[in-house]
Protein backbone atom coordinates (compact mmCIF):
# COMPACT_ATOMS: atom_id res chain seq x y z
CA MET A 1 79.96 77.29 117.90
CA MET A 2 82.19 78.55 120.76
CA THR A 3 80.38 80.05 123.38
CA ASP A 4 82.96 80.37 125.96
CA TYR A 5 85.09 83.27 124.85
CA ARG A 6 87.23 83.11 128.10
CA ALA A 7 88.81 79.90 126.24
CA VAL A 8 90.22 82.34 123.53
CA PRO A 9 93.71 83.33 124.08
CA VAL A 10 94.13 86.88 124.88
CA ALA A 11 96.40 87.49 121.78
CA PHE A 12 93.42 86.53 119.55
CA ARG A 13 90.73 88.76 120.99
CA ALA A 14 89.62 92.06 119.51
CA THR A 15 90.32 95.17 121.54
CA ALA A 16 89.07 98.65 121.33
CA ALA A 17 92.34 99.62 119.51
CA ASP A 18 91.32 97.20 116.86
CA ALA A 19 88.13 98.85 116.36
CA VAL A 20 89.34 102.10 116.21
CA ARG A 21 91.87 100.96 113.55
CA TYR A 22 89.03 99.28 111.35
CA LYS A 23 87.14 102.63 111.74
CA THR A 24 90.39 104.76 110.62
CA GLN A 25 90.95 102.39 107.79
CA SER A 26 87.50 102.40 106.68
CA LEU A 27 87.25 106.23 106.80
CA LEU A 28 90.43 106.54 104.69
CA TRP A 29 89.28 104.21 102.09
CA LEU A 30 86.36 105.95 101.66
CA ALA A 31 88.18 109.43 101.67
CA ALA A 32 90.38 107.80 98.86
CA ILE A 33 87.11 106.84 96.78
CA TYR A 34 85.83 110.34 96.97
CA LEU A 35 89.27 111.92 96.40
CA HIS A 36 89.89 109.85 93.25
CA THR A 37 86.30 110.78 91.94
CA VAL A 38 87.00 114.57 92.39
CA VAL A 39 90.43 114.08 90.79
CA VAL A 40 88.86 112.52 87.76
CA LEU A 41 86.10 115.13 87.57
CA ALA A 42 88.71 117.91 87.70
CA GLY A 43 90.32 116.07 84.72
CA LEU A 44 93.56 115.58 86.28
CA LEU A 45 93.32 111.76 85.79
CA PRO A 46 91.44 109.74 82.85
CA LEU A 47 88.21 108.14 83.74
CA TRP A 48 89.61 104.62 83.18
CA SER A 49 91.79 105.15 86.25
CA LEU A 50 88.50 105.49 88.13
CA VAL A 51 87.35 102.08 87.09
CA LEU A 52 90.55 100.44 88.31
CA SER A 53 90.90 102.40 91.58
CA ILE A 54 87.06 101.68 92.61
CA ALA A 55 87.47 98.18 92.04
CA VAL A 56 90.26 97.92 94.68
CA PHE A 57 89.08 100.81 97.06
CA VAL A 58 85.38 99.64 97.35
CA VAL A 59 86.61 96.27 98.22
CA ARG A 60 89.06 97.50 100.78
CA TRP A 61 86.50 99.74 102.19
CA MET A 62 84.05 97.12 102.68
CA LEU A 63 86.43 94.58 104.10
CA SER A 64 87.31 97.23 106.76
CA THR A 65 83.62 98.12 107.54
CA HIS A 66 82.68 94.43 107.68
CA GLU A 67 85.64 93.76 110.32
CA LEU A 68 84.36 96.62 112.19
CA LEU A 69 80.94 95.26 112.31
CA HIS A 70 82.35 92.38 114.13
CA LEU A 71 83.46 94.57 116.98
CA ARG A 72 80.77 97.26 117.12
CA SER A 73 77.03 97.34 116.64
CA ALA A 74 75.60 98.59 113.60
CA CYS A 75 74.43 101.92 114.82
CA GLU A 76 77.90 102.55 116.05
CA VAL A 77 79.42 101.78 112.73
CA GLY A 78 77.15 104.10 110.67
CA PRO A 79 78.48 107.09 108.96
């Protein structure tokens, strides 16, 4: 395991902008999950579309949150 982070090239280091991007992505994916759920409950889309979209949206949301946890503490990531 690498302990000297100064050896990592600057281009590969995560920045505060990366944390903001991951947080924004995470919130957008979560909003998409809720929005699609509301649209299905309103009867504008069939129920089977929710099954397909949730399979994609939840994975993307979890990946964004996971990456954010590498950059911020858990209490900073919480909803």
